[in-house]
Amino acid sequence: MQQPAFSHEQALPSLKVNKDLLEALEKYLVKRFSDALQTSEEEIRKRYSLQIEDSLGTEKLASVEQMSATKFADSTSQVEVELDSPYREDGQRMRVRVRFSKGRLFSTLAVSAAAPNARELVLGVRDGLLRVLEPHKTWNSLAHPSSAGWGIGIGLGGWMMYGLFAADAKSTYFPFLLAAFTLLWLYLFAFGPLRPYSTFESRASERNEKIWSWLIAGLGTFLLFGTLLTLYRRSVLGF
């Protein structure tokens, strides 16, 4: 029997991904599919899969309970959760894929269904998933500009570089232009690797937190002594 169908896909917010989050996702999806399709949770669990990708390969698990470690490997780059409902003679189906990635582009949520109330079902599942993810959101998305943001940043950086070469190093605005160019370069090329769009809890992510704290402290020192005090010295002492 042909059922009405509806599908939805959207970008995920930046998140900190750990075992607790995956357990909450699995619990929600299994219960939601079981209720919507009036199928036992045992049958639904048979269709659940968890894939973890790192530098050595891709590990596929039937449940987060099969994760032997409490944290991810340092080289983990992507985690994907997928649930595809069992076959039904009436043609009703549901499918969810949640993909967490270190990059903005591949961090996505996709939900589809074939059912009499397909649209309401899909959007309801989406809203429930976003509620599960909400406590794990981070501000790391700020370190990952969109395609338009990259274009603006590169153009602005080129203009600043030209200004630095053309300006007199003793001019009043030179230290400010140098500071702005340094910050822009760090934002485009250094902040992203240190603040992945999806952060996978690991020893590497803990080290990155310490490096990030050091970087912010260093930038603060640079701005204070390299820019503000230089301006103060010139205005007071004249050199």
C-alpha atoms as a PDB file:
ATOM      1  CA  MET A   1       0.000   0.000   0.000  1.00  0.00           C
ATOM      2  CA  GLN A   2       1.368   3.391  -1.011  1.00  0.00           C
ATOM      3  CA  GLN A   3       1.641   5.702   1.988  1.00  0.00           C
ATOM      4  CA  PRO A   4       2.046   9.501   2.013  1.00  0.00           C
ATOM      5  CA  ALA A   5       5.743  10.338   2.431  1.00  0.00           C
ATOM      6  CA  PHE A   6       7.673  13.274   3.846  1.00  0.00           C
ATOM      7  CA  SER A   7      11.392  13.877   4.415  1.00  0.00           C
ATOM      8  CA  HIS A   8      13.366  16.589   6.158  1.00  0.00           C
ATOM      9  CA  GLU A   9      17.088  17.377   6.443  1.00  0.00           C
ATOM     10  CA  GLN A  10      18.848  20.169   8.276  1.00  0.00           C
ATOM     11  CA  ALA A  11      22.208  21.195   9.694  1.00  0.00           C
ATOM     12  CA  LEU A  12      22.991  20.320  13.290  1.00  0.00           C
ATOM     13  CA  PRO A  13      24.159  22.874  15.845  1.00  0.00           C
ATOM     14  CA  SER A  14      27.715  22.525  17.138  1.00  0.00           C
ATOM     15  CA  LEU A  15      27.764  19.920  19.908  1.00  0.00           C
ATOM     16  CA  LYS A  16      29.922  18.122  22.436  1.00  0.00           C
ATOM     17  CA  VAL A  17      29.419  14.434  21.663  1.00  0.00           C
ATOM     18  CA  ASN A  18      29.955  11.908  24.437  1.00  0.00           C
ATOM     19  CA  LYS A  19      28.604   8.546  25.498  1.00  0.00           C
ATOM     20  CA  ASP A  20      25.796  10.121  27.528  1.00  0.00           C
ATOM     21  CA  LEU A  21      24.492  11.935  24.453  1.00  0.00           C
ATOM     22  CA  LEU A  22      24.531   8.762  22.349  1.00  0.00           C
ATOM     23  CA  GLU A  23      22.695   6.844  25.084  1.00  0.00           C
ATOM     24  CA  ALA A  24      20.007   9.544  25.251  1.00  0.00           C
ATOM     25  CA  LEU A  25      19.626   9.525  21.452  1.00  0.00           C
ATOM     26  CA  GLU A  26      19.317   5.750  21.298  1.00  0.00           C
ATOM     27  CA  LYS A  27      16.747   5.670  24.093  1.00  0.00           C
ATOM     28  CA  TYR A  28      14.642   8.400  22.475  1.00  0.00           C
ATOM     29  CA  LEU A  29      14.711   6.958  18.958  1.00  0.00           C
ATOM     30  CA  VAL A  30      13.904   3.383  19.961  1.00  0.00           C
ATOM     31  CA  LYS A  31      10.974   4.525  22.127  1.00  0.00           C
ATOM     32  CA  ARG A  32       9.677   6.979  19.501  1.00  0.00           C
ATOM     33  CA  PHE A  33       9.808   4.434  16.665  1.00  0.00           C
ATOM     34  CA  SER A  34       8.196   1.773  18.842  1.00  0.00           C
ATOM     35  CA  ASP A  35       5.292   4.067  19.761  1.00  0.00           C
ATOM     36  CA  ALA A  36       4.780   5.424  16.235  1.00  0.00           C
ATOM     37  CA  LEU A  37       4.850   2.047  14.482  1.00  0.00           C
ATOM     38  CA  GLN A  38       3.334  -0.001  17.319  1.00  0.00           C
ATOM     39  CA  THR A  39       6.279  -2.380  17.167  1.00  0.00           C
ATOM     40  CA  SER A  40       8.216  -3.831  20.091  1.00  0.00           C
ATOM     41  CA  GLU A  41      11.390  -2.068  21.177  1.00  0.00           C
ATOM     42  CA  GLU A  42      13.281  -5.342  20.688  1.00  0.00           C
ATOM     43  CA  GLU A  43      12.382  -5.361  16.983  1.00  0.00           C
ATOM     44  CA  ILE A  44      13.273  -1.689  16.617  1.00  0.00           C
ATOM     45  CA  ARG A  45      16.677  -2.184  18.261  1.00  0.00           C
ATOM     46  CA  LYS A  46      17.591  -4.757  15.618  1.00  0.00           C
ATOM     47  CA  ARG A  47      17.530  -1.941  13.041  1.00  0.00           C
ATOM     48  CA  TYR A  48      19.613   0.512  15.059  1.00  0.00           C
ATOM     49  CA  SER A  49      23.246   1.170  14.148  1.00  0.00           C
ATOM     50  CA  LEU A  50      26.085   3.350  15.391  1.00  0.00           C
ATOM     51  CA  GLN A  51      29.161   4.071  13.254  1.00  0.00           C
ATOM     52  CA  ILE A  52      32.345   5.644  14.600  1.00  0.00           C
ATOM     53  CA  GLU A  53      34.984   6.767  12.113  1.00  0.00           C
ATOM     54  CA  ASP A  54      38.609   7.460  13.045  1.00  0.00           C
ATOM     55  CA  SER A  55      42.016   7.353  11.349  1.00  0.00           C
ATOM     56  CA  LEU A  56      42.198   3.542  11.586  1.00  0.00           C
ATOM     57  CA  GLY A  57      38.805   2.781  10.040  1.00  0.00           C
ATOM     58  CA  THR A  58      35.074   2.650  10.735  1.00  0.00           C
ATOM     59  CA  GLU A  59      33.574   0.744  13.647  1.00  0.00           C
ATOM     60  CA  LYS A  60      29.930  -0.352  13.417  1.00  0.00           C
ATOM     61  CA  LEU A  61      27.978  -1.146  16.586  1.00  0.00           C
ATOM     62  CA  ALA A  62      24.419  -2.286  17.234  1.00  0.00           C
ATOM     63  CA  SER A  63      24.147  -0.142  20.367  1.00  0.00           C
ATOM     64  CA  VAL A  64      26.120   2.404  22.349  1.00  0.00           C
ATOM     65  CA  GLU A  65      26.329  -0.267  25.061  1.00  0.00           C
ATOM     66  CA  GLN A  66      28.858  -2.058  22.855  1.00  0.00           C
ATOM     67  CA  MET A  67      31.326   0.817  23.204  1.00  0.00           C
ATOM     68  CA  SER A  68      34.120  -0.633  25.313  1.00  0.00           C
ATOM     69  CA  ALA A  69      35.666   2.732  26.208  1.00  0.00           C
ATOM     70  CA  THR A  70      34.051   5.684  27.942  1.00  0.00           C
ATOM     71  CA  LYS A  71      35.701   8.152  25.542  1.00  0.00           C
ATOM     72  CA  PHE A  72      36.329   8.264  21.807  1.00  0.00           C
ATOM     73  CA  ALA A  73      39.678   7.669  20.136  1.00  0.00           C
ATOM     74  CA  ASP A  74      41.744  10.833  19.681  1.00  0.00           C
ATOM     75  CA  SER A  75      41.445  10.645  15.879  1.00  0.00           C
ATOM     76  CA  THR A  76      37.638  10.283  15.789  1.00  0.00           C
ATOM     77  CA  SER A  77      36.325  12.442  12.952  1.00  0.00           C
ATOM     78  CA  GLN A  78      32.690  11.378  12.559  1.00  0.00           C
ATOM     79  CA  VAL A  79      29.939   9.541  14.423  1.00  0.00           C
ATOM     80  CA  GLU A  80      26.718   8.493  12.717  1.00  0.00           C
ATOM     81  CA  VAL A  81      23.522   7.200  14.322  1.00  0.00           C
ATOM     82  CA  GLU A  82      20.967   5.539  12.057  1.00  0.00           C
ATOM     83  CA  LEU A  83      17.642   3.827  12.624  1.00  0.00           C
ATOM     84  CA  ASP A  84      15.570   2.324   9.807  1.00  0.00           C
ATOM     85  CA  SER A  85      12.240   0.782  10.778  1.00  0.00           C
ATOM     86  CA  PRO A  86      11.488  -2.914  10.131  1.00  0.00           C
ATOM     87  CA  TYR A  87       9.490  -3.931   7.049  1.00  0.00           C
ATOM     88  CA  ARG A  88       5.709  -3.628   7.360  1.00  0.00           C
ATOM     89  CA  GLU A  89       3.112  -4.994   4.943  1.00  0.00           C
ATOM     90  CA  ASP A  90       1.087  -1.772   5.112  1.00  0.00           C
ATOM     91  CA  GLY A  91       4.045   0.178   3.701  1.00  0.00           C
ATOM     92  CA  GLN A  92       4.652   2.377   6.744  1.00  0.00           C
ATOM     93  CA  ARG A  93       8.323   3.247   7.242  1.00  0.00           C
ATOM     94  CA  MET A  94      10.501   5.604   9.251  1.00  0.00           C
ATOM     95  CA  ARG A  95      14.172   6.439   8.961  1.00  0.00           C
ATOM     96  CA  VAL A  96      16.490   8.722  10.933  1.00  0.00           C
ATOM     97  CA  ARG A  97      20.150   9.554  10.394  1.00  0.00           C
ATOM     98  CA  VAL A  98      22.102  11.821  12.743  1.00  0.00           C
ATOM     99  CA  ARG A  99      25.657  12.585  11.655  1.00  0.00           C
ATOM    100  CA  PHE A 100      28.154  14.364  13.898  1.00  0.00           C
ATOM    101  CA  SER A 101      31.290  15.629  12.165  1.00  0.00           C
ATOM    102  CA  LYS A 102      34.231  17.874  12.988  1.00  0.00           C
ATOM    103  CA  GLY A 103      33.210  20.066  10.056  1.00  0.00           C
ATOM    104  CA  ARG A 104      30.053  22.154   9.730  1.00  0.00           C
ATOM    105  CA  LEU A 105      29.124  20.830   6.270  1.00  0.00           C
ATOM    106  CA  PHE A 106      28.712  17.166   7.255  1.00  0.00           C
ATOM    107  CA  SER A 107      26.964  17.645  10.614  1.00  0.00           C
ATOM    108  CA  THR A 108      23.384  16.899   9.608  1.00  0.00           C
ATOM    109  CA  LEU A 109      20.065  15.480  10.757  1.00  0.00           C
ATOM    110  CA  ALA A 110      17.770  13.651   8.316  1.00  0.00           C
ATOM    111  CA  VAL A 111      14.307  12.237   9.075  1.00  0.00           C
ATOM    112  CA  SER A 112      11.886  10.586   6.640  1.00  0.00           C
ATOM    113  CA  ALA A 113       8.641   8.661   6.948  1.00  0.00           C
ATOM    114  CA  ALA A 114       5.953   6.982   4.884  1.00  0.00           C
ATOM    115  CA  ALA A 115       2.765   7.004   6.947  1.00  0.00           C
ATOM    116  CA  PRO A 116      -0.745   8.523   6.942  1.00  0.00           C
ATOM    117  CA  ASN A 117       0.544  11.438   9.069  1.00  0.00           C
ATOM    118  CA  ALA A 118       4.057  11.506   7.586  1.00  0.00           C
ATOM    119  CA  ARG A 119       4.648  15.262   7.832  1.00  0.00           C
ATOM    120  CA  GLU A 120       3.563  15.567  11.461  1.00  0.00           C
ATOM    121  CA  LEU A 121       5.495  12.431  12.370  1.00  0.00           C
ATOM    122  CA  VAL A 122       8.762  13.613  10.798  1.00  0.00           C
ATOM    123  CA  LEU A 123       8.617  17.090  12.313  1.00  0.00           C
ATOM    124  CA  GLY A 124       7.696  15.651  15.708  1.00  0.00           C
ATOM    125  CA  VAL A 125      10.699  13.316  15.644  1.00  0.00           C
ATOM    126  CA  ARG A 126      12.932  16.203  14.573  1.00  0.00           C
ATOM    127  CA  ASP A 127      11.736  18.390  17.437  1.00  0.00           C
ATOM    128  CA  GLY A 128      12.282  15.565  19.915  1.00  0.00           C
ATOM    129  CA  LEU A 129      15.816  14.983  18.652  1.00  0.00           C
ATOM    130  CA  LEU A 130      16.680  18.663  18.955  1.00  0.00           C
ATOM    131  CA  ARG A 131      15.450  18.628  22.565  1.00  0.00           C
ATOM    132  CA  VAL A 132      17.769  15.698  23.298  1.00  0.00           C
ATOM    133  CA  LEU A 133      20.696  17.570  21.717  1.00  0.00           C
ATOM    134  CA  GLU A 134      19.980  20.932  23.364  1.00  0.00           C
ATOM    135  CA  PRO A 135      21.961  20.377  26.629  1.00  0.00           C
ATOM    136  CA  HIS A 136      25.047  19.420  24.599  1.00  0.00           C
ATOM    137  CA  LYS A 137      25.218  22.514  22.376  1.00  0.00           C
ATOM    138  CA  THR A 138      28.425  24.558  22.228  1.00  0.00           C
ATOM    139  CA  TRP A 139      29.546  27.878  20.774  1.00  0.00           C
ATOM    140  CA  ASN A 140      32.061  26.183  18.465  1.00  0.00           C
ATOM    141  CA  SER A 141      29.971  27.069  15.415  1.00  0.00           C
ATOM    142  CA  LEU A 142      31.409  30.579  15.727  1.00  0.00           C
ATOM    143  CA  ALA A 143      34.818  29.136  14.763  1.00  0.00           C
ATOM    144  CA  HIS A 144      33.393  27.618  11.556  1.00  0.00           C
ATOM    145  CA  PRO A 145      32.290  30.321   9.104  1.00  0.00           C
ATOM    146  CA  SER A 146      29.885  29.520   6.299  1.00  0.00           C
ATOM    147  CA  SER A 147      30.964  29.602   2.647  1.00  0.00           C
ATOM    148  CA  ALA A 148      29.914  33.245   2.444  1.00  0.00           C
ATOM    149  CA  GLY A 149      31.853  33.963   5.631  1.00  0.00           C
ATOM    150  CA  TRP A 150      34.986  32.409   4.148  1.00  0.00           C
ATOM    151  CA  GLY A 151      34.664  34.585   1.049  1.00  0.00           C
ATOM    152  CA  ILE A 152      34.288  37.744   3.118  1.00  0.00           C
ATOM    153  CA  GLY A 153      37.159  36.730   5.396  1.00  0.00           C
ATOM    154  CA  ILE A 154      39.570  36.023   2.542  1.00  0.00           C
ATOM    155  CA  GLY A 155      38.665  39.292   0.836  1.00  0.00           C
ATOM    156  CA  LEU A 156      39.065  41.257   4.057  1.00  0.00           C
ATOM    157  CA  GLY A 157      42.372  39.529   4.778  1.00  0.00           C
ATOM    158  CA  GLY A 158      43.698  40.470   1.346  1.00  0.00           C
ATOM    159  CA  TRP A 159      42.724  44.093   1.898  1.00  0.00           C
ATOM    160  CA  MET A 160      44.423  44.118   5.313  1.00  0.00           C
ATOM    161  CA  MET A 161      47.599  42.549   3.923  1.00  0.00           C
ATOM    162  CA  TYR A 162      47.773  45.212   1.220  1.00  0.00           C
ATOM    163  CA  GLY A 163      47.276  47.872   3.894  1.00  0.00           C
ATOM    164  CA  LEU A 164      50.115  46.458   5.999  1.00  0.00           C
ATOM    165  CA  PHE A 165      52.555  46.488   3.083  1.00  0.00           C
ATOM    166  CA  ALA A 166      51.527  49.974   2.015  1.00  0.00           C
ATOM    167  CA  ALA A 167      51.398  51.558   5.483  1.00  0.00           C
ATOM    168  CA  ASP A 168      54.199  53.196   7.421  1.00  0.00           C
ATOM    169  CA  ALA A 169      55.098  50.971  10.385  1.00  0.00           C
ATOM    170  CA  LYS A 170      55.245  54.099  12.549  1.00  0.00           C
ATOM    171  CA  SER A 171      51.723  55.218  11.673  1.00  0.00           C
ATOM    172  CA  THR A 172      49.111  55.305  14.420  1.00  0.00           C
ATOM    173  CA  TYR A 173      46.818  52.726  12.858  1.00  0.00           C
ATOM    174  CA  PHE A 174      49.533  50.196  11.904  1.00  0.00           C
ATOM    175  CA  PRO A 175      49.453  48.190  15.192  1.00  0.00           C
ATOM    176  CA  PHE A 176      45.650  48.009  15.040  1.00  0.00           C
ATOM    177  CA  LEU A 177      45.753  46.783  11.444  1.00  0.00           C
ATOM    178  CA  LEU A 178      48.397  44.192  12.354  1.00  0.00           C
ATOM    179  CA  ALA A 179      46.333  42.997  15.327  1.00  0.00           C
ATOM    180  CA  ALA A 180      43.183  42.767  13.204  1.00  0.00           C
ATOM    181  CA  PHE A 181      44.990  40.797  10.478  1.00  0.00           C
ATOM    182  CA  THR A 182      46.460  38.402  13.062  1.00  0.00           C
ATOM    183  CA  LEU A 183      43.065  37.789  14.639  1.00  0.00           C
ATOM    184  CA  LEU A 184      41.439  37.233  11.245  1.00  0.00           C
ATOM    185  CA  TRP A 185      44.151  34.731  10.211  1.00  0.00           C
ATOM    186  CA  LEU A 186      43.762  32.820  13.487  1.00  0.00           C
ATOM    187  CA  TYR A 187      39.983  32.816  13.112  1.00  0.00           C
ATOM    188  CA  LEU A 188      40.083  31.387   9.593  1.00  0.00           C
ATOM    189  CA  PHE A 189      42.892  28.855   9.961  1.00  0.00           C
ATOM    190  CA  ALA A 190      43.546  28.069  13.640  1.00  0.00           C
ATOM    191  CA  PHE A 191      40.314  28.337  15.603  1.00  0.00           C
ATOM    192  CA  GLY A 192      38.471  25.624  13.620  1.00  0.00           C
ATOM    193  CA  PRO A 193      40.932  22.764  14.316  1.00  0.00           C
ATOM    194  CA  LEU A 194      41.084  23.736  17.989  1.00  0.00           C
ATOM    195  CA  ARG A 195      37.297  24.070  18.289  1.00  0.00           C
ATOM    196  CA  PRO A 196      35.788  21.315  16.055  1.00  0.00           C
ATOM    197  CA  TYR A 197      32.163  21.806  15.038  1.00  0.00           C
ATOM    198  CA  SER A 198      31.337  18.522  16.783  1.00  0.00           C
ATOM    199  CA  THR A 199      33.721  17.861  19.654  1.00  0.00           C
ATOM    200  CA  PHE A 200      34.148  14.173  20.467  1.00  0.00           C
ATOM    201  CA  GLU A 201      35.041  13.612  24.103  1.00  0.00           C
ATOM    202  CA  SER A 202      38.599  12.246  24.140  1.00  0.00           C
ATOM    203  CA  ARG A 203      42.045  12.905  25.550  1.00  0.00           C
ATOM    204  CA  ALA A 204      42.788  14.981  22.449  1.00  0.00           C
ATOM    205  CA  SER A 205      39.757  17.219  23.024  1.00  0.00           C
ATOM    206  CA  GLU A 206      40.889  17.787  26.617  1.00  0.00           C
ATOM    207  CA  ARG A 207      44.346  18.818  25.378  1.00  0.00           C
ATOM    208  CA  ASN A 208      42.757  21.171  22.865  1.00  0.00           C
ATOM    209  CA  GLU A 209      40.851  22.838  25.694  1.00  0.00           C
ATOM    210  CA  LYS A 210      44.161  23.622  27.409  1.00  0.00           C
ATOM    211  CA  ILE A 211      45.714  24.874  24.153  1.00  0.00           C
ATOM    212  CA  TRP A 212      42.659  27.044  23.545  1.00  0.00           C
ATOM    213  CA  SER A 213      42.980  28.609  27.002  1.00  0.00           C
ATOM    214  CA  TRP A 214      46.670  29.293  26.327  1.00  0.00           C
ATOM    215  CA  LEU A 215      45.870  30.802  22.915  1.00  0.00           C
ATOM    216  CA  ILE A 216      43.228  33.142  24.326  1.00  0.00           C
ATOM    217  CA  ALA A 217      45.617  34.266  27.071  1.00  0.00           C
ATOM    218  CA  GLY A 218      48.339  34.836  24.462  1.00  0.00           C
ATOM    219  CA  LEU A 219      46.013  36.859  22.252  1.00  0.00           C
ATOM    220  CA  GLY A 220      45.006  38.995  25.199  1.00  0.00           C
ATOM    221  CA  THR A 221      48.656  39.675  25.990  1.00  0.00           C
ATOM    222  CA  PHE A 222      49.394  40.490  22.347  1.00  0.00           C
ATOM    223  CA  LEU A 223      46.503  42.925  22.107  1.00  0.00           C
ATOM    224  CA  LEU A 224      47.485  44.606  25.368  1.00  0.00           C
ATOM    225  CA  PHE A 225      51.221  44.967  24.861  1.00  0.00           C
ATOM    226  CA  GLY A 226      51.364  44.980  21.072  1.00  0.00           C
ATOM    227  CA  THR A 227      48.528  47.385  20.398  1.00  0.00           C
ATOM    228  CA  LEU A 228      47.130  49.382  23.306  1.00  0.00           C
ATOM    229  CA  LEU A 229      50.430  50.043  25.073  1.00  0.00           C
ATOM    230  CA  THR A 230      52.077  50.912  21.753  1.00  0.00           C
ATOM    231  CA  LEU A 231      49.394  53.521  21.121  1.00  0.00           C
ATOM    232  CA  TYR A 232      49.749  54.835  24.678  1.00  0.00           C
ATOM    233  CA  ARG A 233      53.541  55.073  24.334  1.00  0.00           C
ATOM    234  CA  ARG A 234      53.284  57.014  21.088  1.00  0.00           C
ATOM    235  CA  SER A 235      50.665  59.408  22.421  1.00  0.00           C
ATOM    236  CA  VAL A 236      52.594  60.098  25.648  1.00  0.00           C
ATOM    237  CA  LEU A 237      56.248  59.708  24.674  1.00  0.00           C
ATOM    238  CA  GLY A 238      55.959  60.462  20.986  1.00  0.00           C
ATOM    239  CA  PHE A 239      57.714  57.341  19.631  1.00  0.00           C
END
